[in-house]
Protein backbone atom coordinates (compact mmCIF):
# COMPACT_ATOMS: atom_id res chain seq x y z
CA MET A 1 -2.86 -11.53 0.30
CA ALA A 2 -0.48 -10.31 2.86
CA THR A 3 -1.59 -8.15 5.69
CA ILE A 4 -0.48 -4.64 7.18
CA ARG A 5 -0.29 -4.72 10.92
CA ASP A 6 1.01 -1.90 13.35
CA PRO A 7 2.36 0.10 10.35
CA VAL A 8 5.67 2.48 10.93
CA LEU A 9 5.92 5.46 8.97
CA PHE A 10 8.98 7.38 7.81
CA SER A 11 7.48 10.78 9.32
CA LYS A 12 6.67 9.36 12.65
CA HIS A 13 10.08 7.49 13.06
CA PHE A 14 12.33 9.90 11.82
CA ASP A 15 10.17 12.86 13.49
CA VAL A 16 9.59 14.64 10.00
CA ASP A 17 6.72 16.78 9.50
CA PRO A 18 4.45 14.89 6.77
CA ALA A 19 3.63 18.61 5.31
CA ARG A 20 7.49 19.12 4.79
CA LEU A 21 7.44 15.57 2.57
CA ALA A 22 4.43 16.86 0.89
CA LYS A 23 6.05 19.87 0.19
CA LEU A 24 8.94 18.05 -1.46
CA GLY A 25 6.78 16.00 -3.32
CA VAL A 26 8.28 12.97 -1.58
CA LEU A 27 6.12 9.53 -0.45
CA ASP A 28 5.96 9.04 3.26
CA PRO A 29 6.43 5.44 3.20
CA MET A 30 5.57 2.47 5.54
CA LEU A 31 8.92 1.11 6.66
CA ASN A 32 7.12 -2.29 7.70
CA ALA A 33 4.75 -2.85 4.88
CA ASP A 34 4.53 -1.71 1.44
CA THR A 35 2.47 0.92 0.05
CA LYS A 36 0.40 -0.10 -2.95
CA LEU A 37 1.89 2.19 -5.48
CA PHE A 38 3.72 1.56 -8.51
CA ILE A 39 6.51 3.65 -10.61
CA ASP A 40 5.23 4.02 -13.56
CA PRO A 41 7.74 4.59 -16.60
CA LEU A 42 5.34 6.67 -18.46
CA LEU A 43 5.17 9.21 -15.93
CA LEU A 44 9.15 9.75 -15.90
CA ARG A 45 9.14 12.89 -18.31
CA GLU A 46 6.32 14.40 -16.91
CA SER A 47 8.03 14.63 -13.18
CA ARG A 48 8.51 18.15 -12.00
CA HIS A 49 12.15 16.95 -10.40
CA PRO A 50 15.02 17.23 -12.90
CA GLU A 51 16.71 14.20 -11.41
CA ILE A 52 13.46 12.24 -12.75
CA SER A 53 12.66 14.10 -15.74
CA ALA A 54 16.15 14.26 -17.00
CA ASP A 55 18.47 11.92 -15.44
CA ALA A 56 15.80 9.03 -14.53
CA VAL A 57 14.59 9.10 -18.35
CA ALA A 58 18.17 9.12 -19.60
CA CYS A 59 18.55 5.87 -17.41
CA PHE A 60 15.85 4.07 -18.50
CA ASP A 61 16.80 4.73 -22.02
CA GLN A 62 20.38 3.64 -21.75
CA TYR A 63 19.41 0.43 -19.71
CA PHE A 64 16.82 -0.53 -21.96
CA GLY A 65 18.85 0.43 -25.34
CA LYS A 66 21.65 -1.91 -24.29
CA VAL A 67 18.87 -4.91 -23.79
CA ILE A 68 17.54 -4.20 -27.45
CA THR A 69 21.38 -4.18 -28.77
CA LEU A 70 21.83 -7.13 -27.11
CA LEU A 71 18.66 -8.64 -28.74
CA GLN A 72 19.73 -7.31 -32.04
CA HIS A 73 22.77 -9.25 -31.94
CA SER A 74 21.59 -12.49 -30.71
CA SER A 75 20.97 -15.18 -33.12
CA VAL A 76 19.42 -17.68 -31.09
CA PRO A 77 18.67 -17.94 -27.08
CA GLY A 78 21.41 -19.04 -25.00
CA ASP A 79 24.01 -17.37 -27.10
CA VAL A 80 26.64 -14.80 -25.74
CA ALA A 81 24.34 -11.66 -26.58
CA TRP A 82 21.14 -13.30 -25.02
CA ARG A 83 22.97 -14.14 -21.85
CA ASN A 84 24.21 -10.72 -21.42
CA ALA A 85 20.51 -9.52 -22.06
CA ASP A 86 19.25 -11.66 -19.59
CA ARG A 87 21.26 -10.40 -17.16
CA LEU A 88 20.14 -7.15 -17.30
CA PHE A 89 16.51 -8.83 -17.53
CA ASN A 90 17.24 -10.37 -14.08
CA PHE A 91 14.86 -7.91 -12.16
CA ARG A 92 14.57 -8.04 -8.38
CA GLU A 93 12.11 -5.89 -6.32
CA VAL A 94 14.12 -2.97 -4.58
CA ILE A 95 12.74 -3.26 -1.47
CA GLU A 96 14.51 0.16 -0.48
CA THR A 97 11.63 2.03 -1.93
CA CYS A 98 8.62 0.29 0.36
CA ILE A 99 6.41 0.23 -2.51
CA GLY A 100 4.65 -2.93 -3.96
CA TYR A 101 2.68 -5.98 -2.91
CA GLY A 102 4.38 -6.63 0.05
CA GLY A 103 1.76 -6.13 2.88
CA SER A 104 3.24 -7.01 5.89
CA THR A 105 6.82 -6.79 4.40
CA ILE A 106 8.83 -4.77 1.92
CA HIS A 107 9.68 -7.86 0.21
CA GLY A 108 8.62 -9.21 -2.86
CA SER A 109 9.91 -11.48 -5.43
CA ALA A 110 12.24 -11.38 -8.48
CA ILE A 111 11.39 -12.41 -12.01
CA GLY A 112 11.78 -16.06 -12.20
CA PRO A 113 13.46 -17.69 -14.94
CA THR A 114 10.40 -18.98 -16.66
CA LEU A 115 8.83 -15.96 -17.05
CA ARG A 116 12.19 -14.01 -17.82
CA ALA A 117 12.79 -16.25 -20.94
CA ARG A 118 9.41 -15.66 -22.05
CA LEU A 119 9.71 -11.86 -21.84
CA MET A 120 12.93 -11.80 -23.34
CA ASN A 121 11.25 -14.16 -26.41
CA THR A 122 8.35 -11.46 -26.58
CA ALA A 123 10.91 -8.80 -26.83
CA LYS A 124 13.49 -10.26 -29.13
CA GLU A 125 10.03 -10.62 -31.43
CA ILE A 126 9.36 -6.78 -31.24
CA VAL A 127 13.38 -5.89 -31.73
CA GLU A 128 12.99 -8.19 -35.17
CA LEU A 129 9.86 -6.01 -36.28
CA GLY A 130 12.77 -3.18 -36.63
CA VAL A 131 11.22 -1.64 -33.22
CA ASP A 132 14.20 0.23 -31.17
CA ASN A 133 12.31 2.24 -28.87
CA PRO A 134 13.30 1.37 -25.22
CA GLU A 135 9.68 2.42 -24.39
CA LEU A 136 8.68 -0.91 -25.81
CA PHE A 137 9.16 -2.39 -22.39
CA VAL A 138 6.49 -0.31 -21.15
CA LEU A 139 4.06 -2.34 -23.08
CA LEU A 140 4.79 -5.81 -21.84
CA GLY A 141 2.14 -5.64 -19.06
CA LEU A 142 -0.30 -5.54 -22.33
CA LEU A 143 1.24 -8.45 -24.09
CA GLU A 144 1.93 -10.85 -21.39
CA ASP A 145 -0.67 -12.00 -18.80
CA ASP A 146 2.11 -12.35 -15.89
CA ILE A 147 3.50 -9.07 -16.10
CA GLY A 148 1.41 -6.69 -13.55
CA ALA A 149 1.97 -3.23 -11.79
CA ASP A 150 4.65 -4.63 -9.58
CA ARG A 151 6.53 -6.11 -12.33
CA ILE A 152 6.79 -3.10 -14.48
CA SER A 153 7.53 -1.05 -11.52
CA ASP A 154 10.38 -3.40 -10.38
CA MET A 155 11.98 -3.29 -14.14
CA THR A 156 11.68 0.67 -14.07
CA THR A 157 13.24 0.69 -10.57
CA THR A 158 16.26 -1.01 -11.68
CA ALA A 159 16.88 1.01 -14.49
CA ILE A 160 16.71 4.26 -12.85
CA LEU A 161 18.23 3.28 -9.83
CA PRO A 162 21.07 5.89 -10.26
CA ALA A 163 18.72 8.76 -10.72
CA LEU A 164 16.59 7.34 -7.68
CA LEU A 165 19.59 7.56 -5.60
CA LYS A 166 20.67 11.28 -6.87
CA PHE A 167 16.94 12.63 -5.87
CA ASN A 168 17.96 11.23 -2.56
CA GLU A 169 20.67 13.24 -2.33
CA VAL A 170 18.83 16.24 -2.96
CA VAL A 171 16.02 15.48 -0.69
CA LEU A 172 17.96 14.16 2.56
CA ALA A 173 19.61 17.52 2.23
CA ASP A 174 16.51 19.30 3.07
CA LEU A 175 15.70 16.66 5.77
CA ASP A 176 17.60 16.25 9.40
CA VAL A 177 17.43 12.70 9.53
CA PRO A 178 20.41 10.39 10.11
CA THR A 179 22.03 8.71 7.52
CA GLU A 180 24.57 5.77 6.49
CA ARG A 181 26.75 4.61 3.68
CA PHE A 182 24.83 2.02 1.40
CA THR A 183 26.21 0.56 -1.78
CA PHE A 184 24.37 -0.36 -4.92
CA LYS A 185 26.55 -2.05 -7.13
CA THR A 186 29.05 0.46 -7.77
CA VAL A 187 27.20 3.39 -6.53
CA SER A 188 27.82 4.43 -2.78
CA THR A 189 25.24 6.63 -1.31
CA ALA A 190 23.98 8.28 2.08
CA LEU A 191 20.28 6.95 2.91
CA PRO A 192 18.46 6.77 6.17
CA ARG A 193 18.22 2.88 7.29
CA ASN A 194 15.16 1.27 7.89
CA PRO A 195 14.48 0.29 11.68
CA CYS A 196 11.92 -2.46 10.99
CA GLU A 197 14.32 -4.70 8.74
CA SER A 198 16.58 -7.41 10.58
CA ARG A 199 19.04 -6.99 7.60
CA ARG A 200 21.02 -3.69 7.42
CA THR A 201 18.72 -2.12 4.56
CA GLY A 202 18.61 1.39 3.50
CA ILE A 203 15.33 3.70 2.63
CA ILE A 204 15.02 5.07 -0.98
CA LEU A 205 12.54 7.90 -0.69
CA LEU A 206 10.41 8.31 -3.89
CA PRO A 207 8.74 11.63 -5.84
CA THR A 208 5.03 11.09 -5.68
CA ASP A 209 4.64 12.39 -9.16
CA ILE A 210 5.77 9.13 -10.87
CA LEU A 211 3.33 7.09 -8.70
CA ARG A 212 0.28 5.41 -9.52
CA ASP A 213 -2.18 2.42 -8.25
CA LEU A 214 -1.63 1.00 -11.86
CA PRO A 215 0.18 2.04 -14.72
CA ILE A 216 -1.15 3.75 -17.57
CA ALA A 217 -0.24 0.83 -20.30
CA HIS A 218 -1.90 -1.83 -17.83
CA ASP A 219 -4.68 -2.82 -19.78
CA TRP A 220 -6.16 -2.87 -23.31
CA HIS A 221 -9.17 -0.74 -21.87
CA ASP A 222 -7.00 1.90 -21.09
CA VAL A 223 -5.44 2.00 -24.27
CA ALA A 224 -8.95 2.07 -25.89
CA ASP A 225 -9.84 4.83 -23.82
CA ALA A 226 -7.08 6.80 -24.61
CA ALA A 227 -7.03 6.11 -28.12
CA ASP A 228 -10.91 6.42 -28.93
CA LYS A 229 -10.41 10.00 -28.25
CA ASN A 230 -8.45 10.83 -31.37
CA GLN A 231 -10.10 10.09 -34.39
CA GLU A 232 -6.90 9.70 -36.58
CA LEU A 233 -5.43 7.37 -34.08
CA ARG A 234 -8.31 5.46 -33.90
CA ASP A 235 -8.48 4.58 -37.56
CA ARG A 236 -4.93 3.79 -37.28
CA VAL A 237 -5.49 1.39 -34.62
CA ASN A 238 -8.78 -0.27 -36.66
CA GLU A 239 -6.77 -0.35 -39.35
CA ARG A 240 -3.50 -1.92 -37.99
CA ILE A 241 -4.35 -3.57 -34.43
CA GLY A 242 -7.99 -4.64 -34.65
CA ASP A 243 -10.64 -3.90 -32.58
CA ILE A 244 -8.94 -3.58 -29.29
CA TRP A 245 -12.21 -1.69 -28.19
CA ALA A 246 -14.24 -4.78 -27.15
CA ILE A 247 -11.84 -6.86 -25.41
CA LYS A 248 -12.92 -8.77 -22.36
CA THR A 249 -11.21 -12.06 -22.28
CA ARG A 250 -8.11 -13.42 -22.07
CA GLU A 251 -8.60 -14.98 -25.55
CA ASP A 252 -9.43 -11.46 -27.11
CA LYS A 253 -6.50 -10.30 -25.24
CA ALA A 254 -4.31 -12.79 -27.05
CA GLN A 255 -5.56 -12.15 -30.26
CA ALA A 256 -4.88 -8.25 -29.85
CA ARG A 257 -1.44 -9.51 -28.89
CA ILE A 258 -0.82 -11.33 -32.32
CA ALA A 259 -2.45 -8.47 -34.11
CA ALA A 260 0.29 -6.02 -32.26
CA LEU A 261 3.38 -7.90 -33.17
CA ARG A 262 2.20 -8.42 -36.88
CA SER A 263 4.21 -5.41 -37.90
CA LYS A 264 6.43 -2.81 -36.94
CA GLN A 265 3.77 -0.37 -38.04
CA ALA A 266 1.03 -2.22 -35.80
CA PHE A 267 3.27 -2.13 -32.72
CA GLU A 268 3.91 1.31 -33.09
CA THR A 269 0.36 2.33 -33.53
CA LEU A 270 -0.07 0.52 -29.95
CA MET A 271 2.65 2.21 -28.75
CA ALA A 272 1.02 5.66 -29.99
CA ALA A 273 -2.34 4.76 -28.48
CA VAL A 274 -0.49 4.47 -25.29
CA GLY A 275 1.26 7.56 -25.71
CA VAL A 276 -1.84 9.71 -25.59
CA ALA A 277 -3.07 8.66 -22.43
CA ASP A 278 -3.66 11.06 -19.52
CA LYS A 279 -0.20 11.01 -17.95
CA LYS A 280 -1.36 11.72 -14.15
CA ALA A 281 0.32 10.66 -11.37
CA TYR A 282 -2.02 8.88 -8.21
CA ASP A 283 -3.69 11.86 -6.62
CA ALA A 284 -2.86 12.10 -3.10
CA VAL A 285 -5.49 15.14 -2.20
CA ALA A 286 -8.39 13.30 -3.74
CA ASP A 287 -6.77 10.03 -2.60
CA PRO A 288 -9.59 7.83 -4.02
CA LEU A 289 -8.29 4.56 -2.55
CA GLY A 290 -7.39 5.86 0.90
CA HIS A 291 -3.64 5.43 0.58
CA TYR A 292 -2.83 8.35 2.59
CA LEU A 293 -6.06 9.10 4.60
CA TRP A 294 -5.68 6.62 7.10
CA ARG A 295 -2.38 7.38 8.17
CA ASP A 296 -3.32 11.07 8.83
CA VAL A 297 -6.48 10.18 10.62
CA SER A 298 -4.48 7.20 12.59
CA ALA A 299 -1.80 9.81 13.74
CA THR A 300 -4.72 12.21 15.21
CA ILE A 301 -7.71 10.66 15.48
CA ALA A 302 -7.18 9.19 19.29
CA THR A 303 -5.79 12.74 20.53
CA LYS A 304 -8.69 14.71 18.78
CA PHE A 305 -11.45 12.58 20.03
CA PRO A 306 -10.44 10.52 22.91
CA PHE A 307 -12.18 7.17 23.59
CA PRO A 308 -11.38 4.90 26.56
CA ILE A 309 -12.15 1.54 26.15
CA ARG A 310 -12.26 -1.02 29.14
CA GLN A 311 -9.72 -3.77 29.14
CA PRO A 312 -10.45 -7.18 28.05
CA THR A 313 -10.75 -9.33 31.19
CA ALA A 314 -9.70 -12.32 29.28
CA LYS A 315 -8.06 -13.51 26.37
CA ASN A 316 -11.26 -15.30 24.84
CA LEU A 317 -13.46 -14.93 21.90
CA ASP A 318 -16.29 -13.02 23.94
CA GLU A 319 -13.93 -10.51 25.33
CA LEU A 320 -12.38 -9.58 21.63
CA GLU A 321 -15.96 -9.28 20.15
CA ARG A 322 -16.59 -6.69 23.04
CA VAL A 323 -13.92 -4.54 22.11
CA VAL A 324 -14.57 -4.60 18.33
CA GLU A 325 -18.12 -3.62 19.21
CA GLN A 326 -16.97 -0.43 20.94
CA ILE A 327 -14.62 0.34 18.17
CA VAL A 328 -17.17 -0.32 15.61
CA ALA A 329 -20.01 1.62 17.28
CA HIS A 330 -17.23 4.84 17.81
CA PHE A 331 -16.53 4.35 14.28
CA GLN A 332 -20.38 5.10 13.95
CA ASP A 333 -20.55 8.08 16.19
CA LEU A 334 -17.15 9.40 14.35
CA ILE A 335 -18.91 9.51 10.94
CA GLU A 336 -22.26 10.27 11.86
CA LYS A 337 -21.97 12.64 14.90
CA ASN A 338 -18.75 14.07 14.84
CA GLY A 339 -18.59 15.20 11.07
CA LEU A 340 -15.85 12.85 9.92
CA TRP A 341 -18.41 11.91 6.96
CA TYR A 342 -16.48 14.34 5.08
CA LEU A 343 -13.07 11.98 4.97
CA LEU A 344 -15.46 9.38 2.74
CA TRP A 345 -16.07 12.26 0.22
CA HIS A 346 -13.99 14.53 -2.23
CA ASN A 347 -15.42 17.11 -4.48
CA GLY A 348 -19.11 15.70 -4.32
CA LYS A 349 -17.98 12.04 -4.97
CA ALA A 350 -17.73 9.21 -2.57
CA ARG A 351 -14.10 7.82 -2.37
CA HIS A 352 -13.51 4.35 -3.35
CA GLU A 353 -14.60 1.24 -1.19
CA LYS A 354 -11.03 0.56 -0.53
CA ALA A 355 -10.55 4.40 1.18
CA ALA A 356 -13.39 3.75 3.83
CA GLN A 357 -11.94 0.13 4.52
CA ARG A 358 -8.30 1.76 4.77
CA LEU A 359 -10.22 4.50 7.12
CA PHE A 360 -11.69 2.23 9.46
CA PHE A 361 -8.42 0.47 10.21
CA GLY A 362 -6.64 3.47 10.83
CA ILE A 363 -9.28 4.27 13.14
CA ALA A 364 -9.31 1.04 14.84
CA ASP A 365 -5.39 0.92 15.10
CA ALA A 366 -5.11 4.00 16.56
CA TYR A 367 -7.70 3.41 19.23
CA CYS A 368 -6.02 0.07 19.89
CA LYS A 369 -2.85 1.60 20.56
CA ALA A 370 -4.19 4.57 22.71
CA ASN A 371 -6.10 2.22 25.18
CA ASN A 372 -2.71 -0.04 25.16
CA LEU A 373 -4.60 -2.97 23.97
CA ASP A 374 -3.30 -6.24 23.65
CA ILE A 375 -5.38 -6.39 20.43
CA SER A 376 -3.90 -5.76 16.99
CA PRO A 377 -6.19 -4.86 13.70
CA GLU A 378 -4.48 -6.31 10.31
CA THR A 379 -5.70 -5.54 6.83
CA ASP A 380 -4.74 -6.58 3.71
CA SER A 381 -2.08 -4.65 1.30
CA GLY A 382 -5.38 -4.12 -0.92
CA ALA A 383 -7.61 -3.11 1.92
CA GLY A 384 -10.47 -5.32 2.78
CA PRO A 385 -11.87 -6.92 6.16
CA VAL A 386 -10.17 -5.65 8.93
CA ASP A 387 -9.17 -8.86 11.52
CA PHE A 388 -8.43 -8.59 15.14
CA LYS A 389 -6.79 -10.82 17.25
CA PHE A 390 -4.93 -10.93 20.68
CA SER A 391 -1.59 -9.85 19.80
CA SER A 392 0.06 -12.71 21.74
CA GLY A 393 -1.76 -14.84 19.14
CA TYR A 394 -4.59 -16.44 20.69
CA ASP A 395 -6.92 -18.33 18.77
CA ALA A 396 -9.59 -16.05 18.12
CA ARG A 397 -10.62 -13.77 15.45
CA VAL A 398 -13.26 -10.79 14.86
CA LEU A 399 -13.74 -9.77 11.49
CA VAL A 400 -14.89 -6.41 10.51
CA GLU A 401 -16.01 -6.02 6.89
CA ILE A 402 -16.78 -2.53 5.52
CA LYS A 403 -19.11 -2.00 2.32
CA LEU A 404 -20.17 0.72 0.70
CA SER A 405 -23.86 1.14 0.06
CA THR A 406 -22.67 1.48 -3.88
CA GLY A 407 -21.11 -1.95 -3.81
CA LYS A 408 -21.88 -5.45 -3.91
CA VAL A 409 -23.60 -5.50 -0.77
CA VAL A 410 -25.60 -8.82 -0.95
CA SER A 411 -22.83 -11.22 -2.60
CA GLY A 412 -20.28 -9.62 0.08
CA TYR A 413 -22.50 -10.81 2.48
CA ARG A 414 -23.11 -13.96 1.28
CA THR A 415 -19.38 -14.60 1.19
CA GLN A 416 -18.57 -13.77 4.60
CA LEU A 417 -21.14 -16.40 5.58
CA GLU A 418 -19.12 -18.76 3.66
CA VAL A 419 -16.25 -18.02 5.68
CA TYR A 420 -18.17 -18.57 8.68
CA LYS A 421 -18.77 -22.25 8.06
CA ASP A 422 -15.13 -22.96 8.57
CA ALA A 423 -14.65 -20.80 11.32
CA GLU A 424 -17.34 -20.73 13.46
CA LYS A 425 -15.98 -21.49 16.87
CA THR A 426 -13.27 -19.21 16.37
CA MET A 427 -14.46 -16.09 14.68
CA ARG A 428 -17.14 -13.52 15.10
CA ALA A 429 -18.13 -10.87 12.76
CA PHE A 430 -19.19 -7.37 11.88
CA TYR A 431 -20.81 -6.28 8.57
CA LEU A 432 -20.57 -2.76 8.50
CA VAL A 433 -22.40 -1.01 5.22
CA VAL A 434 -21.47 2.63 4.93
CA ASP A 435 -24.70 4.59 3.39
CA VAL A 436 -23.13 6.90 0.52
CA GLY A 437 -26.58 6.40 -1.39
CA GLY A 438 -27.66 3.85 -3.79
CA MET A 439 -28.67 1.31 -1.17
CA GLY A 440 -32.00 0.28 -2.64
CA GLU A 441 -33.39 -2.85 -1.28
CA LYS A 442 -29.94 -3.97 -0.53
CA LEU A 443 -30.06 -3.62 3.18
CA GLU A 444 -33.36 -5.64 3.48
CA LYS A 445 -31.86 -8.57 1.65
CA ILE A 446 -28.77 -8.95 3.88
CA PHE A 447 -31.05 -8.86 6.64
CA ASP A 448 -33.19 -11.62 5.26
CA ILE A 449 -30.04 -13.68 4.54
CA ARG A 450 -29.20 -13.01 7.82
CA ASN A 451 -32.47 -13.74 9.58
CA ALA A 452 -32.62 -17.31 7.58
CA TRP A 453 -29.47 -18.21 8.76
CA VAL A 454 -29.64 -17.48 12.50
CA SER A 455 -33.34 -19.32 11.97
CA SER A 456 -31.48 -22.60 10.94
CA GLY A 457 -29.28 -22.45 14.02
CA LEU A 458 -26.17 -20.85 12.82
CA ARG A 459 -24.03 -17.85 13.53
CA ALA A 460 -24.34 -14.79 11.27
CA SER A 461 -22.25 -11.70 10.73
CA ARG A 462 -23.92 -9.03 12.68
CA ILE A 463 -25.26 -6.02 10.36
CA GLU A 464 -24.50 -2.61 11.58
CA VAL A 465 -25.51 0.55 9.09
CA VAL A 466 -23.22 3.95 9.01
CA ASP A 467 -24.92 7.04 7.50
CA GLY A 468 -22.18 8.27 5.79
CA GLU A 469 -23.95 10.48 3.30
CA MET A 470 -22.97 14.25 2.83
CA LYS A 471 -24.56 16.45 5.51
CA PRO A 472 -25.14 20.32 4.82
CA SER A 473 -22.74 22.52 6.53
CA ALA A 474 -23.84 24.18 9.98
CA SER A 475 -24.96 27.40 8.27
CA LYS A 476 -27.35 25.72 6.22
CA ARG A 477 -29.32 23.58 8.44
């Protein structure tokens, strides 16, 4: 997984109030790393922005309607109609949107010729059933193993690009940011320039109400959950597709795929099941995965709670560990003594473990910058361990892994010990368990594992515990 390091936010670079972007319903993107959110085509009609709910939907239908027409007229793979459809199916990541799986870059990969041919064959199969609804392409993620959230998002972005550019014209009219002319095929438009790209690259701002962490039509479980709430639809699913409620393996999925492609009625039943799913964008307020949380904290924490860290006296592993130890201890104080435990919760429910991981990364990044340390924390684009290194590239690492007490605390610790086997001389590690309830005997078990490891003469990750449980308000104590 690619990493996020020293993130640069659009709002920070262009001196735009993040609250202004939020009011406009616009994502505040990182300019040097992808935000792990994706455009979901099923949310286009639900958008509050007419450039999306009307124009983008029309673009989507027109683009994929053209693909359907070409596939209808194709007799064999490789004929003229097929080749023209193939050109329309040659999707690349639109890097200007700054979303996806890029991690430490906004660059992703295009759909290769082998995968493209397989998708074209599947689409042709569906079209030959008599299905001519452009939204059939939304379901490719259900039918093909290699089509994930990023591919569906890339396909959608390509199709609706003219509408996205129109949306940016409207939004940028409200933002006082410098722009330059950029050309996309035959369309020329004014966009801000991305300062983090060596090649001249624009920035396409996206509406937040079409973004999700995973598309609605991502897997069969989502479809089953949606259809299960409608008895008439459930009966149709059982009759025409089969038992999609129990799909657990790739083989199960393959059988459901065969059933879904058996007839026009079967496929349209699948489309109906997807259509009744709850169409909601990623909740930026609840922010269960912490996509926005760590950014806000990183921007304000060092000023609100200043914390001096003594500069390393040398670039070695001991000094790196000393600095990280201070950051870990300060994180513990912020949560337990300065009331930041509330960031781990929303409406009485603990946020996802990824939110806690991103929160720690944001805090660590802020204090490294505030103290002008020659140390850069980084984390992967899906969150996970925070990896500290001297920015000059000295061969030393200190890993901090954050686990919620409700998660796989014991197996996670064992996994980190395995990492130690290959990097004992160049790595130190902290295992930070954030207690939000449900701890049980997990803590005792990992301390037993650590003690056994140390007794054998081996180095083991240090275990630290943070009390992240909800606290009563001051008036109720």
